[in-house]
Amino acid sequence: LFLVDGTRYKLEGQPLSECRTLVTGVDKGIRFVERSTGDIVPALVIDLKKAAFFDSVPLAEMVYSVLMNSGTKWRNLSTAPLDQNLFHEFVYKLNDIIRDLRLDHINYTKRSFLASGLSDKPTAEIRLKIGKNAVVPMVPYYQEQGVQIRPDWPAVRLVTEMATSYFPIEVLRVSPRQRVPVSKQTPSQMKDTIKGSVLAIDRTVQPTQEGSTSPPAAASTVPRGTWSLKALRTVLTVVPWSAPTKES
């Protein structure tokens, strides 16, 4: 369970590289614990967690962000055409990131699909089937609609049982609320995620009396903050988690 907008709770997302954001959420569970009176009561255990999510941005923006983060060879990406070697490296670096990513068509926000990956040839060599019999080159087809696309870039593939469709990168946008799987994170990004997940103890709360809380005096950091909500009569009090004396 992750927050769509953490600003309401002062848990703003932390921007990461390559159009990704670290978002706060929680895991939850139930334990049975013993109170000081000897009664066994259920406790709701809340484990604070963070995870990386893709930003909902134009796909071309993500492409630039990933490649510009990959070395100086891409510094002229916006102006210089790709040669054959750079084209293949482009596909190699981005194919796995884009595969299984949900994308929206910029002009048709209700049309979305899971991408199958990138084409193995540039848009200048791709022809589209329009209607029943017409086949037209991709680049002129989009130019007639007022959309300028890179003839040296690959297209996004959508493979279905019926056919394979192609879409220019420039007309697509990353759909919102998509978590970044571990398989799509580099070691550097995973390190940044772990670093961003360190929680200051002064961001948690301790009980002062039943029904009220205050921050602790000492401030340090722990890798993850685990809290429990313990039922006391009819009041739910937020308390730092400690191992119960009994479980069932």
C-alpha atoms as a PDB file:
ATOM      1  CA  LEU A   1       0.000   0.000   0.000  1.00  0.00           C
ATOM      2  CA  PHE A   2       1.632   3.258  -1.156  1.00  0.00           C
ATOM      3  CA  LEU A   3       0.620   6.897  -0.916  1.00  0.00           C
ATOM      4  CA  VAL A   4      -0.521   8.538  -4.141  1.00  0.00           C
ATOM      5  CA  ASP A   5       0.205  11.978  -2.661  1.00  0.00           C
ATOM      6  CA  GLY A   6       2.370  11.920   0.445  1.00  0.00           C
ATOM      7  CA  THR A   7       2.508  15.717   0.836  1.00  0.00           C
ATOM      8  CA  ARG A   8      -0.647  15.578   2.964  1.00  0.00           C
ATOM      9  CA  TYR A   9       1.303  13.568   5.561  1.00  0.00           C
ATOM     10  CA  LYS A  10       4.664  15.314   5.040  1.00  0.00           C
ATOM     11  CA  LEU A  11       5.942  12.208   3.254  1.00  0.00           C
ATOM     12  CA  GLU A  12       6.805  13.730  -0.105  1.00  0.00           C
ATOM     13  CA  GLY A  13       8.285  11.514  -2.788  1.00  0.00           C
ATOM     14  CA  GLN A  14      12.046  11.676  -3.211  1.00  0.00           C
ATOM     15  CA  PRO A  15      13.186  12.179  -6.830  1.00  0.00           C
ATOM     16  CA  LEU A  16      15.608   9.563  -8.150  1.00  0.00           C
ATOM     17  CA  SER A  17      17.536   9.423 -11.413  1.00  0.00           C
ATOM     18  CA  GLU A  18      16.049   8.402 -14.771  1.00  0.00           C
ATOM     19  CA  CYS A  19      12.515   9.731 -14.112  1.00  0.00           C
ATOM     20  CA  ARG A  20      11.798   7.718 -10.981  1.00  0.00           C
ATOM     21  CA  THR A  21      10.564   8.709  -7.532  1.00  0.00           C
ATOM     22  CA  LEU A  22      10.912   7.033  -4.132  1.00  0.00           C
ATOM     23  CA  VAL A  23       7.420   6.739  -2.623  1.00  0.00           C
ATOM     24  CA  THR A  24       6.422   5.948   0.976  1.00  0.00           C
ATOM     25  CA  GLY A  25       4.055   3.125   1.869  1.00  0.00           C
ATOM     26  CA  VAL A  26       3.341   0.494   4.512  1.00  0.00           C
ATOM     27  CA  ASP A  27       3.058  -3.232   5.053  1.00  0.00           C
ATOM     28  CA  LYS A  28       0.539  -4.362   7.629  1.00  0.00           C
ATOM     29  CA  GLY A  29      -0.174  -7.473   9.650  1.00  0.00           C
ATOM     30  CA  ILE A  30      -1.765  -8.747  12.865  1.00  0.00           C
ATOM     31  CA  ARG A  31      -0.082 -10.176  15.987  1.00  0.00           C
ATOM     32  CA  PHE A  32      -1.567 -11.337  19.277  1.00  0.00           C
ATOM     33  CA  VAL A  33       0.345  -9.882  22.221  1.00  0.00           C
ATOM     34  CA  GLU A  34       0.094  -9.877  25.997  1.00  0.00           C
ATOM     35  CA  ARG A  35      -0.777  -6.654  27.818  1.00  0.00           C
ATOM     36  CA  SER A  36       0.582  -5.771  31.248  1.00  0.00           C
ATOM     37  CA  THR A  37      -2.692  -7.040  32.740  1.00  0.00           C
ATOM     38  CA  GLY A  38      -2.081 -10.474  31.262  1.00  0.00           C
ATOM     39  CA  ASP A  39      -4.824 -10.160  28.643  1.00  0.00           C
ATOM     40  CA  ILE A  40      -4.093 -11.319  25.090  1.00  0.00           C
ATOM     41  CA  VAL A  41      -5.101  -8.693  22.541  1.00  0.00           C
ATOM     42  CA  PRO A  42      -4.682  -8.316  18.769  1.00  0.00           C
ATOM     43  CA  ALA A  43      -2.202  -5.691  17.562  1.00  0.00           C
ATOM     44  CA  LEU A  44      -2.043  -4.177  14.105  1.00  0.00           C
ATOM     45  CA  VAL A  45       1.607  -4.113  12.997  1.00  0.00           C
ATOM     46  CA  ILE A  46       2.524  -1.418  10.486  1.00  0.00           C
ATOM     47  CA  ASP A  47       5.914  -1.617   8.788  1.00  0.00           C
ATOM     48  CA  LEU A  48       6.964   1.565   7.016  1.00  0.00           C
ATOM     49  CA  LYS A  49       8.504   0.934   3.595  1.00  0.00           C
ATOM     50  CA  LYS A  50       9.605   2.791   0.490  1.00  0.00           C
ATOM     51  CA  ALA A  51       9.787   1.788  -3.157  1.00  0.00           C
ATOM     52  CA  ALA A  52      10.700   3.352  -6.494  1.00  0.00           C
ATOM     53  CA  PHE A  53       7.948   4.267  -8.961  1.00  0.00           C
ATOM     54  CA  PHE A  54       8.187   5.425 -12.569  1.00  0.00           C
ATOM     55  CA  ASP A  55       7.320   9.091 -13.080  1.00  0.00           C
ATOM     56  CA  SER A  56       4.340   9.713 -15.340  1.00  0.00           C
ATOM     57  CA  VAL A  57       6.261  11.632 -18.019  1.00  0.00           C
ATOM     58  CA  PRO A  58       6.509  11.567 -21.817  1.00  0.00           C
ATOM     59  CA  LEU A  59       8.380   8.425 -22.833  1.00  0.00           C
ATOM     60  CA  ALA A  60      10.868  10.536 -24.808  1.00  0.00           C
ATOM     61  CA  GLU A  61      11.770  12.361 -21.581  1.00  0.00           C
ATOM     62  CA  MET A  62      12.535   9.051 -19.889  1.00  0.00           C
ATOM     63  CA  VAL A  63      14.622   7.972 -22.882  1.00  0.00           C
ATOM     64  CA  TYR A  64      16.726  11.135 -22.684  1.00  0.00           C
ATOM     65  CA  SER A  65      17.124  10.759 -18.921  1.00  0.00           C
ATOM     66  CA  VAL A  66      18.320   7.146 -19.140  1.00  0.00           C
ATOM     67  CA  LEU A  67      20.731   7.699 -22.016  1.00  0.00           C
ATOM     68  CA  MET A  68      22.156  11.004 -20.751  1.00  0.00           C
ATOM     69  CA  ASN A  69      22.924   9.160 -17.512  1.00  0.00           C
ATOM     70  CA  SER A  70      24.857   6.508 -19.463  1.00  0.00           C
ATOM     71  CA  GLY A  71      27.914   8.474 -20.562  1.00  0.00           C
ATOM     72  CA  THR A  72      29.197  11.350 -22.678  1.00  0.00           C
ATOM     73  CA  LYS A  73      28.598   9.500 -25.962  1.00  0.00           C
ATOM     74  CA  TRP A  74      24.931  10.512 -25.649  1.00  0.00           C
ATOM     75  CA  ARG A  75      25.489  14.230 -25.048  1.00  0.00           C
ATOM     76  CA  ASN A  76      24.446  15.060 -28.637  1.00  0.00           C
ATOM     77  CA  LEU A  77      21.401  12.789 -28.559  1.00  0.00           C
ATOM     78  CA  SER A  78      18.965  15.619 -29.258  1.00  0.00           C
ATOM     79  CA  THR A  79      20.744  16.768 -32.425  1.00  0.00           C
ATOM     80  CA  ALA A  80      23.007  14.083 -33.886  1.00  0.00           C
ATOM     81  CA  PRO A  81      21.440  11.106 -35.702  1.00  0.00           C
ATOM     82  CA  LEU A  82      22.181   7.643 -34.341  1.00  0.00           C
ATOM     83  CA  ASP A  83      24.640   5.505 -36.262  1.00  0.00           C
ATOM     84  CA  GLN A  84      24.147   1.742 -36.364  1.00  0.00           C
ATOM     85  CA  ASN A  85      26.195   1.087 -33.231  1.00  0.00           C
ATOM     86  CA  LEU A  86      24.401   3.730 -31.171  1.00  0.00           C
ATOM     87  CA  PHE A  87      21.041   2.502 -32.436  1.00  0.00           C
ATOM     88  CA  HIS A  88      21.736  -1.017 -31.182  1.00  0.00           C
ATOM     89  CA  GLU A  89      23.019   0.337 -27.863  1.00  0.00           C
ATOM     90  CA  PHE A  90      19.874   2.493 -27.593  1.00  0.00           C
ATOM     91  CA  VAL A  91      17.714  -0.629 -27.955  1.00  0.00           C
ATOM     92  CA  TYR A  92      19.930  -2.643 -25.593  1.00  0.00           C
ATOM     93  CA  LYS A  93      19.726  -0.050 -22.791  1.00  0.00           C
ATOM     94  CA  LEU A  94      16.012   0.687 -23.047  1.00  0.00           C
ATOM     95  CA  ASN A  95      14.335  -2.463 -24.327  1.00  0.00           C
ATOM     96  CA  ASP A  96      14.104  -4.197 -20.938  1.00  0.00           C
ATOM     97  CA  ILE A  97      13.004  -0.979 -19.206  1.00  0.00           C
ATOM     98  CA  ILE A  98      10.171  -0.387 -21.682  1.00  0.00           C
ATOM     99  CA  ARG A  99       9.060  -4.019 -21.951  1.00  0.00           C
ATOM    100  CA  ASP A 100       5.927  -4.604 -19.805  1.00  0.00           C
ATOM    101  CA  LEU A 101       5.701  -0.878 -19.027  1.00  0.00           C
ATOM    102  CA  ARG A 102       2.170   0.498 -19.339  1.00  0.00           C
ATOM    103  CA  LEU A 103       2.067   3.421 -21.761  1.00  0.00           C
ATOM    104  CA  ASP A 104      -0.609   5.950 -22.703  1.00  0.00           C
ATOM    105  CA  HIS A 105      -1.062   7.509 -26.123  1.00  0.00           C
ATOM    106  CA  ILE A 106      -0.541  11.249 -25.560  1.00  0.00           C
ATOM    107  CA  ASN A 107      -3.501  12.232 -27.763  1.00  0.00           C
ATOM    108  CA  TYR A 108      -5.791   9.482 -26.468  1.00  0.00           C
ATOM    109  CA  THR A 109      -5.370   9.297 -22.698  1.00  0.00           C
ATOM    110  CA  LYS A 110      -7.866   6.439 -22.327  1.00  0.00           C
ATOM    111  CA  ARG A 111      -5.841   4.237 -24.658  1.00  0.00           C
ATOM    112  CA  SER A 112      -3.081   2.406 -22.825  1.00  0.00           C
ATOM    113  CA  PHE A 113      -1.185  -0.821 -23.413  1.00  0.00           C
ATOM    114  CA  LEU A 114       1.667  -2.911 -22.055  1.00  0.00           C
ATOM    115  CA  ALA A 115       4.663  -2.447 -24.314  1.00  0.00           C
ATOM    116  CA  SER A 116       6.338  -5.529 -25.759  1.00  0.00           C
ATOM    117  CA  GLY A 117       9.673  -3.760 -26.194  1.00  0.00           C
ATOM    118  CA  LEU A 118      11.438  -1.790 -28.920  1.00  0.00           C
ATOM    119  CA  SER A 119      11.698  -2.465 -32.641  1.00  0.00           C
ATOM    120  CA  ASP A 120      14.917  -3.843 -34.105  1.00  0.00           C
ATOM    121  CA  LYS A 121      14.900  -1.237 -36.871  1.00  0.00           C
ATOM    122  CA  PRO A 122      14.445   2.557 -36.908  1.00  0.00           C
ATOM    123  CA  THR A 123      11.148   4.258 -37.670  1.00  0.00           C
ATOM    124  CA  ALA A 124      12.465   5.282 -41.111  1.00  0.00           C
ATOM    125  CA  GLU A 125      12.305   1.593 -42.100  1.00  0.00           C
ATOM    126  CA  ILE A 126       8.924   0.799 -40.545  1.00  0.00           C
ATOM    127  CA  ARG A 127       5.740   0.715 -42.593  1.00  0.00           C
ATOM    128  CA  LEU A 128       2.267   0.886 -41.104  1.00  0.00           C
ATOM    129  CA  LYS A 129      -0.833  -0.895 -42.308  1.00  0.00           C
ATOM    130  CA  ILE A 130      -3.672   1.637 -42.555  1.00  0.00           C
ATOM    131  CA  GLY A 131      -7.131   0.266 -43.152  1.00  0.00           C
ATOM    132  CA  LYS A 132      -7.451  -3.023 -45.000  1.00  0.00           C
ATOM    133  CA  ASN A 133      -4.916  -2.652 -47.779  1.00  0.00           C
ATOM    134  CA  ALA A 134      -2.958   0.609 -47.471  1.00  0.00           C
ATOM    135  CA  VAL A 135       0.646   0.415 -46.253  1.00  0.00           C
ATOM    136  CA  VAL A 136       2.496   3.684 -45.599  1.00  0.00           C
ATOM    137  CA  PRO A 137       5.912   4.648 -44.187  1.00  0.00           C
ATOM    138  CA  MET A 138       5.728   5.594 -40.500  1.00  0.00           C
ATOM    139  CA  VAL A 139       7.634   8.898 -40.601  1.00  0.00           C
ATOM    140  CA  PRO A 140       5.609  10.593 -43.419  1.00  0.00           C
ATOM    141  CA  TYR A 141       2.377   9.259 -41.915  1.00  0.00           C
ATOM    142  CA  TYR A 142       2.990  11.057 -38.621  1.00  0.00           C
ATOM    143  CA  GLN A 143       4.373  14.153 -40.344  1.00  0.00           C
ATOM    144  CA  GLU A 144       1.045  14.542 -42.140  1.00  0.00           C
ATOM    145  CA  GLN A 145      -0.601  14.582 -38.711  1.00  0.00           C
ATOM    146  CA  GLY A 146       1.752  17.298 -37.494  1.00  0.00           C
ATOM    147  CA  VAL A 147       3.901  14.989 -35.359  1.00  0.00           C
ATOM    148  CA  GLN A 148       7.664  15.108 -35.839  1.00  0.00           C
ATOM    149  CA  ILE A 149       9.372  11.832 -34.954  1.00  0.00           C
ATOM    150  CA  ARG A 150      13.001  10.764 -35.065  1.00  0.00           C
ATOM    151  CA  PRO A 151      13.622   8.597 -38.157  1.00  0.00           C
ATOM    152  CA  ASP A 152      16.747   7.145 -36.497  1.00  0.00           C
ATOM    153  CA  TRP A 153      15.045   6.028 -33.268  1.00  0.00           C
ATOM    154  CA  PRO A 154      13.329   2.670 -32.724  1.00  0.00           C
ATOM    155  CA  ALA A 155       9.572   2.436 -32.244  1.00  0.00           C
ATOM    156  CA  VAL A 156       7.687   0.810 -29.388  1.00  0.00           C
ATOM    157  CA  ARG A 157       6.255  -2.617 -30.233  1.00  0.00           C
ATOM    158  CA  LEU A 158       2.880  -3.983 -29.191  1.00  0.00           C
ATOM    159  CA  VAL A 159       2.612  -7.687 -29.968  1.00  0.00           C
ATOM    160  CA  THR A 160      -0.845  -9.293 -29.846  1.00  0.00           C
ATOM    161  CA  GLU A 161      -2.312 -12.524 -31.188  1.00  0.00           C
ATOM    162  CA  MET A 162      -3.623 -10.615 -34.198  1.00  0.00           C
ATOM    163  CA  ALA A 163      -0.601  -8.550 -35.235  1.00  0.00           C
ATOM    164  CA  THR A 164       2.388  -6.443 -34.218  1.00  0.00           C
ATOM    165  CA  SER A 165       1.778  -2.696 -33.971  1.00  0.00           C
ATOM    166  CA  TYR A 166       4.366   0.080 -33.802  1.00  0.00           C
ATOM    167  CA  PHE A 167       4.187   3.465 -32.071  1.00  0.00           C
ATOM    168  CA  PRO A 168       6.736   6.299 -32.159  1.00  0.00           C
ATOM    169  CA  ILE A 169       8.314   7.045 -28.784  1.00  0.00           C
ATOM    170  CA  GLU A 170       7.300  10.704 -29.182  1.00  0.00           C
ATOM    171  CA  VAL A 171       3.539   9.999 -29.004  1.00  0.00           C
ATOM    172  CA  LEU A 172       3.626   7.932 -25.804  1.00  0.00           C
ATOM    173  CA  ARG A 173       3.596   8.713 -22.092  1.00  0.00           C
ATOM    174  CA  VAL A 174       4.367   6.530 -19.068  1.00  0.00           C
ATOM    175  CA  SER A 175       1.148   5.617 -17.259  1.00  0.00           C
ATOM    176  CA  PRO A 176       1.046   6.681 -13.583  1.00  0.00           C
ATOM    177  CA  ARG A 177       1.438   4.533 -10.436  1.00  0.00           C
ATOM    178  CA  GLN A 178       3.815   1.891 -11.780  1.00  0.00           C
ATOM    179  CA  ARG A 179       6.298   0.417  -9.348  1.00  0.00           C
ATOM    180  CA  VAL A 180       9.823  -0.188 -10.626  1.00  0.00           C
ATOM    181  CA  PRO A 181      10.625  -3.919 -10.316  1.00  0.00           C
ATOM    182  CA  VAL A 182      14.030  -4.917  -8.971  1.00  0.00           C
ATOM    183  CA  SER A 183      14.922  -6.349 -12.388  1.00  0.00           C
ATOM    184  CA  LYS A 184      14.714  -2.832 -13.869  1.00  0.00           C
ATOM    185  CA  GLN A 185      16.966  -1.204 -11.269  1.00  0.00           C
ATOM    186  CA  THR A 186      20.719  -0.823 -11.607  1.00  0.00           C
ATOM    187  CA  PRO A 187      22.987  -1.409  -8.564  1.00  0.00           C
ATOM    188  CA  SER A 188      23.405   2.367  -8.292  1.00  0.00           C
ATOM    189  CA  GLN A 189      19.634   2.926  -8.270  1.00  0.00           C
ATOM    190  CA  MET A 190      19.129   0.203  -5.667  1.00  0.00           C
ATOM    191  CA  LYS A 191      21.783   1.870  -3.502  1.00  0.00           C
ATOM    192  CA  ASP A 192      19.967   5.217  -3.816  1.00  0.00           C
ATOM    193  CA  THR A 193      16.673   3.527  -2.916  1.00  0.00           C
ATOM    194  CA  ILE A 194      18.158   1.952   0.211  1.00  0.00           C
ATOM    195  CA  LYS A 195      19.789   5.240   1.198  1.00  0.00           C
ATOM    196  CA  GLY A 196      16.503   7.078   0.714  1.00  0.00           C
ATOM    197  CA  SER A 197      14.673   4.501   2.828  1.00  0.00           C
ATOM    198  CA  VAL A 198      16.671   5.224   5.993  1.00  0.00           C
ATOM    199  CA  LEU A 199      14.208   6.633   8.503  1.00  0.00           C
ATOM    200  CA  ALA A 200      15.080   9.146  11.201  1.00  0.00           C
ATOM    201  CA  ILE A 201      13.678   8.130  14.581  1.00  0.00           C
ATOM    202  CA  ASP A 202      12.488  11.691  15.149  1.00  0.00           C
ATOM    203  CA  ARG A 203      10.041  11.076  12.267  1.00  0.00           C
ATOM    204  CA  THR A 204       8.288   8.410  14.370  1.00  0.00           C
ATOM    205  CA  VAL A 205       6.186   8.922  17.482  1.00  0.00           C
ATOM    206  CA  GLN A 206       6.097   7.643  21.056  1.00  0.00           C
ATOM    207  CA  PRO A 207       3.161   7.482  23.450  1.00  0.00           C
ATOM    208  CA  THR A 208       2.965  10.087  26.224  1.00  0.00           C
ATOM    209  CA  GLN A 209      -0.469   9.209  27.478  1.00  0.00           C
ATOM    210  CA  GLU A 210      -3.364   7.251  26.135  1.00  0.00           C
ATOM    211  CA  GLY A 211      -4.560   8.859  22.911  1.00  0.00           C
ATOM    212  CA  SER A 212      -1.687  11.353  22.435  1.00  0.00           C
ATOM    213  CA  THR A 213       1.831  11.211  21.030  1.00  0.00           C
ATOM    214  CA  SER A 214       5.043  13.220  20.944  1.00  0.00           C
ATOM    215  CA  PRO A 215       8.388  12.823  19.115  1.00  0.00           C
ATOM    216  CA  PRO A 216      11.302  11.254  21.000  1.00  0.00           C
ATOM    217  CA  ALA A 217      14.098  13.452  22.302  1.00  0.00           C
ATOM    218  CA  ALA A 218      16.940  11.476  20.723  1.00  0.00           C
ATOM    219  CA  ALA A 219      17.428  11.443  16.962  1.00  0.00           C
ATOM    220  CA  SER A 220      19.269   8.752  15.057  1.00  0.00           C
ATOM    221  CA  THR A 221      18.516   6.570  12.066  1.00  0.00           C
ATOM    222  CA  VAL A 222      17.302   3.032  11.543  1.00  0.00           C
ATOM    223  CA  PRO A 223      16.924   1.159   8.245  1.00  0.00           C
ATOM    224  CA  ARG A 224      13.179   0.749   8.567  1.00  0.00           C
ATOM    225  CA  GLY A 225      10.594   2.028  11.029  1.00  0.00           C
ATOM    226  CA  THR A 226       8.232  -0.588  12.384  1.00  0.00           C
ATOM    227  CA  TRP A 227       5.272   0.534  14.449  1.00  0.00           C
ATOM    228  CA  SER A 228       2.294  -1.242  15.982  1.00  0.00           C
ATOM    229  CA  LEU A 229      -1.196  -0.047  16.747  1.00  0.00           C
ATOM    230  CA  LYS A 230      -2.243  -1.625  20.057  1.00  0.00           C
ATOM    231  CA  ALA A 231      -5.858  -1.664  21.201  1.00  0.00           C
ATOM    232  CA  LEU A 232      -6.246  -0.137  24.689  1.00  0.00           C
ATOM    233  CA  ARG A 233      -9.916  -0.219  25.697  1.00  0.00           C
ATOM    234  CA  THR A 234     -11.444   1.661  22.749  1.00  0.00           C
ATOM    235  CA  VAL A 235      -8.386   3.811  21.948  1.00  0.00           C
ATOM    236  CA  LEU A 236      -5.782   3.050  19.279  1.00  0.00           C
ATOM    237  CA  THR A 237      -2.367   4.358  20.312  1.00  0.00           C
ATOM    238  CA  VAL A 238       0.680   4.445  18.023  1.00  0.00           C
ATOM    239  CA  VAL A 239       3.637   2.821  19.815  1.00  0.00           C
ATOM    240  CA  PRO A 240       7.132   1.751  18.647  1.00  0.00           C
ATOM    241  CA  TRP A 241       7.217  -1.968  17.957  1.00  0.00           C
ATOM    242  CA  SER A 242       8.997  -4.277  20.404  1.00  0.00           C
ATOM    243  CA  ALA A 243       8.988  -8.058  20.530  1.00  0.00           C
ATOM    244  CA  PRO A 244       5.930  -9.337  22.440  1.00  0.00           C
ATOM    245  CA  THR A 245       6.351 -11.646  25.393  1.00  0.00           C
ATOM    246  CA  LYS A 246       3.803 -14.102  24.042  1.00  0.00           C
ATOM    247  CA  GLU A 247       2.393 -14.879  20.607  1.00  0.00           C
ATOM    248  CA  SER A 248      -0.308 -17.131  19.283  1.00  0.00           C
END
